[in-house]
Amino acid sequence: KTLGLRLKRRGARWNKRNVQPMASLVCVRHTSQWEPYW
């Protein structure tokens, strides 16, 4: 749901090459990997 809310915002269309980076950002942000990354 969190991924969907971010990537499916009204009118949002993504270059396919940018979907993976944004998906990884959301996954890292909302899991235990956030602090280790920074």
Full PDB file with SEQRES, HELIX, SHEET, SSBOND, CRYST1, ORIGX, SCALE, CONECT and MASTER records, all heavy atoms in Angstrom:
SEQRES   1 A   38  LYS THR LEU GLY LEU ARG LEU LYS ARG ARG GLY ALA ARG          
SEQRES   2 A   38  TRP ASN LYS ARG ASN VAL GLN PRO MET ALA SER LEU VAL          
SEQRES   3 A   38  CYS VAL ARG HIS THR SER GLN TRP GLU PRO TYR TRP              
HELIX    1 AA1 THR A    2  LEU A    7  1                                   6    
HELIX    2 AA2 LYS A   16  ARG A   29  1                                  14    
HELIX    3 AA3 TRP A   34  TYR A   37  1                                   4    
CRYST1    1.000    1.000    1.000  90.00  90.00  90.00 P 1           1          
ORIGX1      1.000000  0.000000  0.000000        0.00000                         
ORIGX2      0.000000  1.000000  0.000000        0.00000                         
ORIGX3      0.000000  0.000000  1.000000        0.00000                         
SCALE1      1.000000  0.000000  0.000000        0.00000                         
SCALE2      0.000000  1.000000  0.000000        0.00000                         
SCALE3      0.000000  0.000000  1.000000        0.00000                         
ATOM      1  N   LYS A   1       0.835  -1.200   0.000  1.00  0.00           N  
ATOM      2  CA  LYS A   1       0.000   0.000   0.000  1.00  0.00           C  
ATOM      3  C   LYS A   1       0.871   1.253   0.000  1.00  0.00           C  
ATOM      4  O   LYS A   1       0.588   2.220  -0.716  1.00  0.00           O  
ATOM      5  CB  LYS A   1      -0.921   0.000   1.222  1.00  0.00           C  
ATOM      6  CG  LYS A   1      -1.887   1.176   1.255  1.00  0.00           C  
ATOM      7  CD  LYS A   1      -2.843   1.077   2.431  1.00  0.00           C  
ATOM      8  CE  LYS A   1      -3.829   2.244   2.433  1.00  0.00           C  
ATOM      9  NZ  LYS A   1      -4.777   2.154   3.573  1.00  0.00           N  
ATOM     10  N   THR A   2       1.953   1.221   0.792  1.00  0.00           N  
ATOM     11  CA  THR A   2       2.872   2.362   0.829  1.00  0.00           C  
ATOM     12  C   THR A   2       3.512   2.595  -0.527  1.00  0.00           C  
ATOM     13  O   THR A   2       3.611   3.738  -0.999  1.00  0.00           O  
ATOM     14  CB  THR A   2       3.970   2.121   1.886  1.00  0.00           C  
ATOM     15  OG1 THR A   2       3.351   1.939   3.164  1.00  0.00           O  
ATOM     16  CG2 THR A   2       4.924   3.295   1.961  1.00  0.00           C  
ATOM     17  N   LEU A   3       3.945   1.517  -1.165  1.00  0.00           N  
ATOM     18  CA  LEU A   3       4.516   1.631  -2.510  1.00  0.00           C  
ATOM     19  C   LEU A   3       3.491   2.173  -3.490  1.00  0.00           C  
ATOM     20  O   LEU A   3       3.792   3.043  -4.320  1.00  0.00           O  
ATOM     21  CB  LEU A   3       4.995   0.258  -2.990  1.00  0.00           C  
ATOM     22  CG  LEU A   3       6.478  -0.074  -2.832  1.00  0.00           C  
ATOM     23  CD1 LEU A   3       6.734  -1.517  -3.243  1.00  0.00           C  
ATOM     24  CD2 LEU A   3       7.342   0.869  -3.644  1.00  0.00           C  
ATOM     25  N   GLY A   4       2.270   1.643  -3.398  1.00  0.00           N  
ATOM     26  CA  GLY A   4       1.222   2.081  -4.310  1.00  0.00           C  
ATOM     27  C   GLY A   4       0.888   3.553  -4.146  1.00  0.00           C  
ATOM     28  O   GLY A   4       0.718   4.281  -5.126  1.00  0.00           O  
ATOM     29  N   LEU A   5       0.811   4.013  -2.885  1.00  0.00           N  
ATOM     30  CA  LEU A   5       0.500   5.418  -2.644  1.00  0.00           C  
ATOM     31  C   LEU A   5       1.577   6.336  -3.218  1.00  0.00           C  
ATOM     32  O   LEU A   5       1.288   7.436  -3.685  1.00  0.00           O  
ATOM     33  CB  LEU A   5       0.354   5.668  -1.140  1.00  0.00           C  
ATOM     34  CG  LEU A   5      -0.900   5.091  -0.474  1.00  0.00           C  
ATOM     35  CD1 LEU A   5      -0.823   5.257   1.030  1.00  0.00           C  
ATOM     36  CD2 LEU A   5      -2.157   5.777  -1.015  1.00  0.00           C  
ATOM     37  N   ARG A   6       2.839   5.878  -3.180  1.00  0.00           N  
ATOM     38  CA  ARG A   6       3.930   6.717  -3.695  1.00  0.00           C  
ATOM     39  C   ARG A   6       4.018   6.665  -5.212  1.00  0.00           C  
ATOM     40  O   ARG A   6       4.195   7.694  -5.866  1.00  0.00           O  
ATOM     41  CB  ARG A   6       5.272   6.260  -3.091  1.00  0.00           C  
ATOM     42  CG  ARG A   6       6.461   7.111  -3.578  1.00  0.00           C  
ATOM     43  CD  ARG A   6       6.278   8.564  -3.201  1.00  0.00           C  
ATOM     44  NE  ARG A   6       7.288   9.446  -3.749  1.00  0.00           N  
ATOM     45  CZ  ARG A   6       7.156  10.136  -4.872  1.00  0.00           C  
ATOM     46  NH1 ARG A   6       6.048  10.006  -5.610  1.00  0.00           N  
ATOM     47  NH2 ARG A   6       8.098  10.962  -5.282  1.00  0.00           N  
ATOM     48  N   LEU A   7       3.907   5.480  -5.784  1.00  0.00           N  
ATOM     49  CA  LEU A   7       4.138   5.331  -7.223  1.00  0.00           C  
ATOM     50  C   LEU A   7       2.876   5.545  -8.059  1.00  0.00           C  
ATOM     51  O   LEU A   7       2.975   5.765  -9.263  1.00  0.00           O  
ATOM     52  CB  LEU A   7       4.712   3.942  -7.518  1.00  0.00           C  
ATOM     53  CG  LEU A   7       6.082   3.647  -6.879  1.00  0.00           C  
ATOM     54  CD1 LEU A   7       6.523   2.232  -7.223  1.00  0.00           C  
ATOM     55  CD2 LEU A   7       7.125   4.650  -7.340  1.00  0.00           C  
ATOM     56  N   LYS A   8       1.718   5.489  -7.423  1.00  0.00           N  
ATOM     57  CA  LYS A   8       0.465   5.660  -8.177  1.00  0.00           C  
ATOM     58  C   LYS A   8      -0.258   6.949  -7.800  1.00  0.00           C  
ATOM     59  O   LYS A   8      -1.491   7.005  -7.818  1.00  0.00           O  
ATOM     60  CB  LYS A   8      -0.454   4.456  -7.959  1.00  0.00           C  
ATOM     61  CG  LYS A   8       0.067   3.171  -8.573  1.00  0.00           C  
ATOM     62  CD  LYS A   8      -1.002   2.101  -8.683  1.00  0.00           C  
ATOM     63  CE  LYS A   8      -1.499   1.650  -7.341  1.00  0.00           C  
ATOM     64  NZ  LYS A   8      -2.465   0.530  -7.464  1.00  0.00           N  
ATOM     65  N   ARG A   9       0.517   7.954  -7.450  1.00  0.00           N  
ATOM     66  CA  ARG A   9      -0.101   9.249  -7.157  1.00  0.00           C  
ATOM     67  C   ARG A   9      -0.849   9.745  -8.388  1.00  0.00           C  
ATOM     68  O   ARG A   9      -0.509   9.391  -9.522  1.00  0.00           O  
ATOM     69  CB  ARG A   9       0.959  10.265  -6.736  1.00  0.00           C  
ATOM     70  CG  ARG A   9       1.740   9.851  -5.505  1.00  0.00           C  
ATOM     71  CD  ARG A   9       2.685  10.945  -5.055  1.00  0.00           C  
ATOM     72  NE  ARG A   9       1.948  12.073  -4.493  1.00  0.00           N  
ATOM     73  CZ  ARG A   9       1.536  12.135  -3.244  1.00  0.00           C  
ATOM     74  NH1 ARG A   9       1.777  11.136  -2.421  1.00  0.00           N  
ATOM     75  NH2 ARG A   9       0.891  13.177  -2.795  1.00  0.00           N  
ATOM     76  N   ARG A  10      -1.841  10.572  -8.200  1.00  0.00           N  
ATOM     77  CA  ARG A  10      -2.702  11.000  -9.289  1.00  0.00           C  
ATOM     78  C   ARG A  10      -1.893  11.568 -10.449  1.00  0.00           C  
ATOM     79  O   ARG A  10      -1.123  12.511 -10.291  1.00  0.00           O  
ATOM     80  CB  ARG A  10      -3.686  12.061  -8.785  1.00  0.00           C  
ATOM     81  CG  ARG A  10      -4.712  12.495  -9.825  1.00  0.00           C  
ATOM     82  CD  ARG A  10      -5.799  13.314  -9.191  1.00  0.00           C  
ATOM     83  NE  ARG A  10      -5.263  14.490  -8.506  1.00  0.00           N  
ATOM     84  CZ  ARG A  10      -5.994  15.308  -7.764  1.00  0.00           C  
ATOM     85  NH1 ARG A  10      -7.266  15.057  -7.583  1.00  0.00           N  
ATOM     86  NH2 ARG A  10      -5.432  16.358  -7.188  1.00  0.00           N  
ATOM     87  N   GLY A  11      -2.066  10.948 -11.610  1.00  0.00           N  
ATOM     88  CA  GLY A  11      -1.399  11.418 -12.827  1.00  0.00           C  
ATOM     89  C   GLY A  11       0.047  10.994 -12.957  1.00  0.00           C  
ATOM     90  O   GLY A  11       0.714  11.359 -13.924  1.00  0.00           O  
ATOM     91  N   ALA A  12       0.552  10.209 -12.010  1.00  0.00           N  
ATOM     92  CA  ALA A  12       1.976   9.850 -12.036  1.00  0.00           C  
ATOM     93  C   ALA A  12       2.269   8.829 -13.133  1.00  0.00           C  
ATOM     94  O   ALA A  12       1.568   7.830 -13.273  1.00  0.00           O  
ATOM     95  CB  ALA A  12       2.401   9.287 -10.688  1.00  0.00           C  
ATOM     96  N   ARG A  13       3.310   9.114 -13.916  1.00  0.00           N  
ATOM     97  CA  ARG A  13       3.832   8.159 -14.898  1.00  0.00           C  
ATOM     98  C   ARG A  13       5.354   8.190 -14.772  1.00  0.00           C  
ATOM     99  O   ARG A  13       5.959   9.260 -14.710  1.00  0.00           O  
ATOM    100  CB  ARG A  13       3.399   8.527 -16.323  1.00  0.00           C  
ATOM    101  CG  ARG A  13       1.901   8.431 -16.569  1.00  0.00           C  
ATOM    102  CD  ARG A  13       1.558   8.876 -17.977  1.00  0.00           C  
ATOM    103  NE  ARG A  13       2.120   7.961 -18.966  1.00  0.00           N  
ATOM    104  CZ  ARG A  13       2.424   8.321 -20.207  1.00  0.00           C  
ATOM    105  NH1 ARG A  13       2.276   9.587 -20.580  1.00  0.00           N  
ATOM    106  NH2 ARG A  13       2.901   7.443 -21.052  1.00  0.00           N  
ATOM    107  N   TRP A  14       5.954   7.017 -14.758  1.00  0.00           N  
ATOM    108  CA  TRP A  14       7.376   6.905 -14.471  1.00  0.00           C  
ATOM    109  C   TRP A  14       8.148   6.373 -15.664  1.00  0.00           C  
ATOM    110  O   TRP A  14       7.668   5.489 -16.378  1.00  0.00           O  
ATOM    111  CB  TRP A  14       7.593   5.949 -13.290  1.00  0.00           C  
ATOM    112  CG  TRP A  14       6.979   6.409 -12.013  1.00  0.00           C  
ATOM    113  CD1 TRP A  14       5.692   6.231 -11.608  1.00  0.00           C  
ATOM    114  CD2 TRP A  14       7.633   7.151 -10.974  1.00  0.00           C  
ATOM    115  NE1 TRP A  14       5.490   6.803 -10.376  1.00  0.00           N  
ATOM    116  CE2 TRP A  14       6.669   7.374  -9.959  1.00  0.00           C  
ATOM    117  CE3 TRP A  14       8.927   7.628 -10.797  1.00  0.00           C  
ATOM    118  CZ2 TRP A  14       6.963   8.060  -8.786  1.00  0.00           C  
ATOM    119  CZ3 TRP A  14       9.227   8.307  -9.630  1.00  0.00           C  
ATOM    120  CH2 TRP A  14       8.247   8.522  -8.639  1.00  0.00           C  
ATOM    121  N   ASN A  15       9.332   6.927 -15.868  1.00  0.00           N  
ATOM    122  CA  ASN A  15      10.250   6.255 -16.774  1.00  0.00           C  
ATOM    123  C   ASN A  15      10.587   4.910 -16.136  1.00  0.00           C  
ATOM    124  O   ASN A  15      10.874   4.836 -14.936  1.00  0.00           O  
ATOM    125  CB  ASN A  15      11.535   7.074 -16.959  1.00  0.00           C  
ATOM    126  CG  ASN A  15      11.287   8.349 -17.740  1.00  0.00           C  
ATOM    127  OD1 ASN A  15      10.460   8.388 -18.652  1.00  0.00           O  
ATOM    128  ND2 ASN A  15      11.986   9.409 -17.372  1.00  0.00           N  
ATOM    129  N   LYS A  16      10.545   3.875 -16.928  1.00  0.00           N  
ATOM    130  CA  LYS A  16      10.703   2.530 -16.371  1.00  0.00           C  
ATOM    131  C   LYS A  16      12.018   2.383 -15.603  1.00  0.00           C  
ATOM    132  O   LYS A  16      12.077   1.706 -14.577  1.00  0.00           O  
ATOM    133  CB  LYS A  16      10.622   1.496 -17.497  1.00  0.00           C  
ATOM    134  CG  LYS A  16      10.532   0.067 -16.999  1.00  0.00           C  
ATOM    135  CD  LYS A  16      10.341  -0.907 -18.144  1.00  0.00           C  
ATOM    136  CE  LYS A  16      10.290  -2.345 -17.624  1.00  0.00           C  
ATOM    137  NZ  LYS A  16      10.132  -3.314 -18.740  1.00  0.00           N  
ATOM    138  N   ARG A  17      13.069   3.061 -16.094  1.00  0.00           N  
ATOM    139  CA  ARG A  17      14.370   2.927 -15.428  1.00  0.00           C  
ATOM    140  C   ARG A  17      14.378   3.550 -14.036  1.00  0.00           C  
ATOM    141  O   ARG A  17      15.250   3.251 -13.213  1.00  0.00           O  
ATOM    142  CB  ARG A  17      15.464   3.572 -16.284  1.00  0.00           C  
ATOM    143  CG  ARG A  17      15.353   5.083 -16.396  1.00  0.00           C  
ATOM    144  CD  ARG A  17      16.495   5.681 -17.189  1.00  0.00           C  
ATOM    145  NE  ARG A  17      16.433   7.130 -17.263  1.00  0.00           N  
ATOM    146  CZ  ARG A  17      15.726   7.806 -18.157  1.00  0.00           C  
ATOM    147  NH1 ARG A  17      15.037   7.145 -19.087  1.00  0.00           N  
ATOM    148  NH2 ARG A  17      15.707   9.128 -18.151  1.00  0.00           N  
ATOM    149  N   ASN A  18      13.394   4.430 -13.754  1.00  0.00           N  
ATOM    150  CA  ASN A  18      13.356   5.092 -12.446  1.00  0.00           C  
ATOM    151  C   ASN A  18      12.456   4.373 -11.442  1.00  0.00           C  
ATOM    152  O   ASN A  18      12.428   4.748 -10.262  1.00  0.00           O  
ATOM    153  CB  ASN A  18      12.866   6.529 -12.607  1.00  0.00           C  
ATOM    154  CG  ASN A  18      13.871   7.404 -13.337  1.00  0.00           C  
ATOM    155  OD1 ASN A  18      15.073   7.154 -13.292  1.00  0.00           O  
ATOM    156  ND2 ASN A  18      13.385   8.422 -14.040  1.00  0.00           N  
ATOM    157  N   VAL A  19      11.715   3.358 -11.898  1.00  0.00           N  
ATOM    158  CA  VAL A  19      10.808   2.657 -10.986  1.00  0.00           C  
ATOM    159  C   VAL A  19      11.596   1.884  -9.932  1.00  0.00           C  
ATOM    160  O   VAL A  19      11.286   1.945  -8.738  1.00  0.00           O  
ATOM    161  CB  VAL A  19       9.875   1.709 -11.771  1.00  0.00           C  
ATOM    162  CG1 VAL A  19       9.065   0.848 -10.801  1.00  0.00           C  
ATOM    163  CG2 VAL A  19       8.937   2.506 -12.661  1.00  0.00           C  
ATOM    164  N   GLN A  20      12.630   1.165 -10.374  1.00  0.00           N  
ATOM    165  CA  GLN A  20      13.413   0.373  -9.426  1.00  0.00           C  
ATOM    166  C   GLN A  20      14.074   1.231  -8.352  1.00  0.00           C  
ATOM    167  O   GLN A  20      13.995   0.903  -7.157  1.00  0.00           O  
ATOM    168  CB  GLN A  20      14.466  -0.456 -10.165  1.00  0.00           C  
ATOM    169  CG  GLN A  20      15.246  -1.413  -9.268  1.00  0.00           C  
ATOM    170  CD  GLN A  20      14.364  -2.459  -8.630  1.00  0.00           C  
ATOM    171  OE1 GLN A  20      13.734  -3.236  -9.326  1.00  0.00           O  
ATOM    172  NE2 GLN A  20      14.286  -2.479  -7.302  1.00  0.00           N  
ATOM    173  N   PRO A  21      14.726   2.347  -8.709  1.00  0.00           N  
ATOM    174  CA  PRO A  21      15.296   3.198  -7.661  1.00  0.00           C  
ATOM    175  C   PRO A  21      14.262   3.697  -6.658  1.00  0.00           C  
ATOM    176  O   PRO A  21      14.516   3.699  -5.444  1.00  0.00           O  
ATOM    177  CB  PRO A  21      15.921   4.359  -8.448  1.00  0.00           C  
ATOM    178  CG  PRO A  21      16.252   3.770  -9.772  1.00  0.00           C  
ATOM    179  CD  PRO A  21      15.144   2.800 -10.059  1.00  0.00           C  
ATOM    180  N   MET A  22      13.078   4.116  -7.150  1.00  0.00           N  
ATOM    181  CA  MET A  22      12.062   4.614  -6.230  1.00  0.00           C  
ATOM    182  C   MET A  22      11.491   3.495  -5.373  1.00  0.00           C  
ATOM    183  O   MET A  22      11.216   3.683  -4.182  1.00  0.00           O  
ATOM    184  CB  MET A  22      10.939   5.305  -7.007  1.00  0.00           C  
ATOM    185  CG  MET A  22      11.309   6.673  -7.538  1.00  0.00           C  
ATOM    186  SD  MET A  22      11.877   7.816  -6.231  1.00  0.00           S  
ATOM    187  CE  MET A  22      10.451   7.881  -5.154  1.00  0.00           C  
ATOM    188  N   ALA A  23      11.325   2.306  -5.966  1.00  0.00           N  
ATOM    189  CA  ALA A  23      10.827   1.171  -5.197  1.00  0.00           C  
ATOM    190  C   ALA A  23      11.842   0.793  -4.106  1.00  0.00           C  
ATOM    191  O   ALA A  23      11.467   0.502  -2.966  1.00  0.00           O  
ATOM    192  CB  ALA A  23      10.565  -0.018  -6.113  1.00  0.00           C  
ATOM    193  N   SER A  24      13.122   0.819  -4.462  1.00  0.00           N  
ATOM    194  CA  SER A  24      14.161   0.514  -3.471  1.00  0.00           C  
ATOM    195  C   SER A  24      14.181   1.561  -2.367  1.00  0.00           C  
ATOM    196  O   SER A  24      14.360   1.238  -1.187  1.00  0.00           O  
ATOM    197  CB  SER A  24      15.536   0.449  -4.153  1.00  0.00           C  
ATOM    198  OG  SER A  24      15.606  -0.632  -5.059  1.00  0.00           O  
ATOM    199  N   LEU A  25      13.990   2.830  -2.737  1.00  0.00           N  
ATOM    200  CA  LEU A  25      13.942   3.901  -1.735  1.00  0.00           C  
ATOM    201  C   LEU A  25      12.824   3.655  -0.729  1.00  0.00           C  
ATOM    202  O   LEU A  25      13.028   3.737   0.489  1.00  0.00           O  
ATOM    203  CB  LEU A  25      13.727   5.250  -2.427  1.00  0.00           C  
ATOM    204  CG  LEU A  25      13.402   6.432  -1.501  1.00  0.00           C  
ATOM    205  CD1 LEU A  25      14.610   6.798  -0.661  1.00  0.00           C  
ATOM    206  CD2 LEU A  25      12.937   7.636  -2.312  1.00  0.00           C  
ATOM    207  N   VAL A  26      11.626   3.334  -1.227  1.00  0.00           N  
ATOM    208  CA  VAL A  26      10.489   3.101  -0.335  1.00  0.00           C  
ATOM    209  C   VAL A  26      10.744   1.878   0.550  1.00  0.00           C  
ATOM    210  O   VAL A  26      10.456   1.883   1.749  1.00  0.00           O  
ATOM    211  CB  VAL A  26       9.192   2.922  -1.151  1.00  0.00           C  
ATOM    212  CG1 VAL A  26       8.029   2.557  -0.232  1.00  0.00           C  
ATOM    213  CG2 VAL A  26       8.862   4.208  -1.915  1.00  0.00           C  
ATOM    214  N   CYS A  27      11.291   0.807  -0.053  1.00  0.00           N  
ATOM    215  CA  CYS A  27      11.564  -0.411   0.714  1.00  0.00           C  
ATOM    216  C   CYS A  27      12.594  -0.161   1.813  1.00  0.00           C  
ATOM    217  O   CYS A  27      12.431  -0.611   2.949  1.00  0.00           O  
ATOM    218  CB  CYS A  27      12.054  -1.519  -0.222  1.00  0.00           C  
ATOM    219  SG  CYS A  27      10.768  -2.215  -1.279  1.00  0.00           S  
ATOM    220  N   VAL A  28      13.646   0.565   1.493  1.00  0.00           N  
ATOM    221  CA  VAL A  28      14.676   0.858   2.490  1.00  0.00           C  
ATOM    222  C   VAL A  28      14.132   1.784   3.570  1.00  0.00           C  
ATOM    223  O   VAL A  28      14.381   1.604   4.764  1.00  0.00           O  
ATOM    224  CB  VAL A  28      15.921   1.475   1.818  1.00  0.00           C  
ATOM    225  CG1 VAL A  28      16.895   2.013   2.866  1.00  0.00           C  
ATOM    226  CG2 VAL A  28      16.618   0.437   0.949  1.00  0.00           C  
ATOM    227  N   ARG A  29      13.368   2.789   3.147  1.00  0.00           N  
ATOM    228  CA  ARG A  29      12.847   3.786   4.087  1.00  0.00           C  
ATOM    229  C   ARG A  29      11.969   3.152   5.157  1.00  0.00           C  
ATOM    230  O   ARG A  29      12.002   3.557   6.330  1.00  0.00           O  
ATOM    231  CB  ARG A  29      12.041   4.848   3.319  1.00  0.00           C  
ATOM    232  CG  ARG A  29      11.182   5.756   4.179  1.00  0.00           C  
ATOM    233  CD  ARG A  29      12.028   6.644   5.069  1.00  0.00           C  
ATOM    234  NE  ARG A  29      11.203   7.419   5.972  1.00  0.00           N  
ATOM    235  CZ  ARG A  29      10.889   7.066   7.219  1.00  0.00           C  
ATOM    236  NH1 ARG A  29      11.334   5.918   7.708  1.00  0.00           N  
ATOM    237  NH2 ARG A  29      10.138   7.830   7.982  1.00  0.00           N  
ATOM    238  N   HIS A  30      11.171   2.155   4.807  1.00  0.00           N  
ATOM    239  CA  HIS A  30      10.198   1.600   5.738  1.00  0.00           C  
ATOM    240  C   HIS A  30      10.618   0.252   6.313  1.00  0.00           C  
ATOM    241  O   HIS A  30       9.757  -0.502   6.793  1.00  0.00           O  
ATOM    242  CB  HIS A  30       8.840   1.490   5.049  1.00  0.00           C  
ATOM    243  CG  HIS A  30       8.254   2.824   4.685  1.00  0.00           C  
ATOM    244  ND1 HIS A  30       7.678   3.662   5.617  1.00  0.00           N  
ATOM    245  CD2 HIS A  30       8.193   3.486   3.498  1.00  0.00           C  
ATOM    246  CE1 HIS A  30       7.259   4.771   5.019  1.00  0.00           C  
ATOM    247  NE2 HIS A  30       7.563   4.694   3.743  1.00  0.00           N  
ATOM    248  N   THR A  31      11.909  -0.058   6.263  1.00  0.00           N  
ATOM    249  CA  THR A  31      12.391  -1.311   6.838  1.00  0.00           C  
ATOM    250  C   THR A  31      13.636  -1.055   7.686  1.00  0.00           C  
ATOM    251  O   THR A  31      14.020   0.093   7.912  1.00  0.00           O  
ATOM    252  CB  THR A  31      12.719  -2.350   5.740  1.00  0.00           C  
ATOM    253  OG1 THR A  31      13.807  -1.858   4.933  1.00  0.00           O  
ATOM    254  CG2 THR A  31      11.506  -2.613   4.859  1.00  0.00           C  
ATOM    255  N   SER A  32      14.270  -2.129   8.094  1.00  0.00           N  
ATOM    256  CA  SER A  32      15.428  -2.032   8.980  1.00  0.00           C  
ATOM    257  C   SER A  32      16.698  -1.591   8.266  1.00  0.00           C  
ATOM    258  O   SER A  32      17.753  -1.473   8.912  1.00  0.00           O  
ATOM    259  CB  SER A  32      15.672  -3.400   9.641  1.00  0.00           C  
ATOM    260  OG  SER A  32      14.523  -3.860  10.313  1.00  0.00           O  
ATOM    261  N   GLN A  33      16.643  -1.330   6.956  1.00  0.00           N  
ATOM    262  CA  GLN A  33      17.840  -0.963   6.208  1.00  0.00           C  
ATOM    263  C   GLN A  33      18.081   0.546   6.139  1.00  0.00           C  
ATOM    264  O   GLN A  33      19.116   0.979   5.630  1.00  0.00           O  
ATOM    265  CB  GLN A  33      17.775  -1.525   4.787  1.00  0.00           C  
ATOM    266  CG  GLN A  33      17.907  -3.037   4.723  1.00  0.00           C  
ATOM    267  CD  GLN A  33      17.939  -3.540   3.295  1.00  0.00           C  
ATOM    268  OE1 GLN A  33      17.030  -3.290   2.501  1.00  0.00           O  
ATOM    269  NE2 GLN A  33      19.000  -4.250   2.952  1.00  0.00           N  
ATOM    270  N   TRP A  34      17.160   1.331   6.653  1.00  0.00           N  
ATOM    271  CA  TRP A  34      17.268   2.784   6.527  1.00  0.00           C  
ATOM    272  C   TRP A  34      18.526   3.334   7.200  1.00  0.00           C  
ATOM    273  O   TRP A  34      19.335   4.013   6.564  1.00  0.00           O  
ATOM    274  CB  TRP A  34      16.019   3.434   7.114  1.00  0.00           C  
ATOM    275  CG  TRP A  34      15.993   4.942   7.094  1.00  0.00           C  
ATOM    276  CD1 TRP A  34      16.074   5.766   8.169  1.00  0.00           C  
ATOM    277  CD2 TRP A  34      15.868   5.791   5.944  1.00  0.00           C  
ATOM    278  NE1 TRP A  34      15.986   7.083   7.771  1.00  0.00           N  
ATOM    279  CE2 TRP A  34      15.864   7.136   6.408  1.00  0.00           C  
ATOM    280  CE3 TRP A  34      15.753   5.561   4.572  1.00  0.00           C  
ATOM    281  CZ2 TRP A  34      15.762   8.237   5.558  1.00  0.00           C  
ATOM    282  CZ3 TRP A  34      15.646   6.654   3.721  1.00  0.00           C  
ATOM    283  CH2 TRP A  34      15.649   7.967   4.203  1.00  0.00           C  
ATOM    284  N   GLU A  35      18.720   3.040   8.457  1.00  0.00           N  
ATOM    285  CA  GLU A  35      19.893   3.562   9.170  1.00  0.00           C  
ATOM    286  C   GLU A  35      21.203   2.960   8.662  1.00  0.00           C  
ATOM    287  O   GLU A  35      22.190   3.687   8.503  1.00  0.00           O  
ATOM    288  CB  GLU A  35      19.730   3.360  10.681  1.00  0.00           C  
ATOM    289  CG  GLU A  35      18.658   4.243  11.307  1.00  0.00           C  
ATOM    290  CD  GLU A  35      18.900   5.732  11.070  1.00  0.00           C  
ATOM    291  OE1 GLU A  35      20.072   6.146  10.942  1.00  0.00           O  
ATOM    292  OE2 GLU A  35      17.908   6.484  11.008  1.00  0.00           O  
ATOM    293  N   PRO A  36      21.266   1.631   8.430  1.00  0.00           N  
ATOM    294  CA  PRO A  36      22.518   1.085   7.861  1.00  0.00           C  
ATOM    295  C   PRO A  36      22.928   1.743   6.558  1.00  0.00           C  
ATOM    296  O   PRO A  36      24.125   1.961   6.324  1.00  0.00           O  
ATOM    297  CB  PRO A  36      22.198  -0.401   7.657  1.00  0.00           C  
ATOM    298  CG  PRO A  36      21.173  -0.704   8.708  1.00  0.00           C  
ATOM    299  CD  PRO A  36      20.336   0.544   8.798  1.00  0.00           C  
ATOM    300  N   TYR A  37      21.949   2.096   5.706  1.00  0.00           N  
ATOM    301  CA  TYR A  37      22.311   2.758   4.450  1.00  0.00           C  
ATOM    302  C   TYR A  37      22.955   4.100   4.721  1.00  0.00           C  
ATOM    303  O   TYR A  37      24.016   4.417   4.153  1.00  0.00           O  
ATOM    304  CB  TYR A  37      21.071   2.951   3.565  1.00  0.00           C  
ATOM    305  CG  TYR A  37      21.362   3.827   2.362  1.00  0.00           C  
ATOM    306  CD1 TYR A  37      22.010   3.310   1.255  1.00  0.00           C  
ATOM    307  CD2 TYR A  37      21.033   5.191   2.365  1.00  0.00           C  
ATOM    308  CE1 TYR A  37      22.336   4.114   0.167  1.00  0.00           C  
ATOM    309  CE2 TYR A  37      21.352   6.001   1.283  1.00  0.00           C  
ATOM    310  CZ  TYR A  37      21.994   5.459   0.186  1.00  0.00           C  
ATOM    311  OH  TYR A  37      22.329   6.266  -0.887  1.00  0.00           O  
ATOM    312  N   TRP A  38      22.367   4.909   5.582  1.00  0.00           N  
ATOM    313  CA  TRP A  38      22.903   6.253   5.826  1.00  0.00           C  
ATOM    314  C   TRP A  38      24.198   6.223   6.628  1.00  0.00           C  
ATOM    315  O   TRP A  38      25.002   7.142   6.542  1.00  0.00           O  
ATOM    316  CB  TRP A  38      21.839   7.116   6.507  1.00  0.00           C  
ATOM    317  CG  TRP A  38      20.754   7.476   5.564  1.00  0.00           C  
ATOM    318  CD1 TRP A  38      19.510   6.955   5.500  1.00  0.00           C  
ATOM    319  CD2 TRP A  38      20.856   8.384   4.454  1.00  0.00           C  
ATOM    320  NE1 TRP A  38      18.796   7.484   4.457  1.00  0.00           N  
ATOM    321  CE2 TRP A  38      19.600   8.368   3.795  1.00  0.00           C  
ATOM    322  CE3 TRP A  38      21.858   9.211   3.981  1.00  0.00           C  
ATOM    323  CZ2 TRP A  38      19.352   9.147   2.666  1.00  0.00           C  
ATOM    324  CZ3 TRP A  38      21.608  10.005   2.852  1.00  0.00           C  
ATOM    325  CH2 TRP A  38      20.368   9.965   2.211  1.00  0.00           C  
TER     326      TRP A  38                                                      
MASTER        0    0    0    3    0    0    0    6  325    1    0    3          
END                                                                             
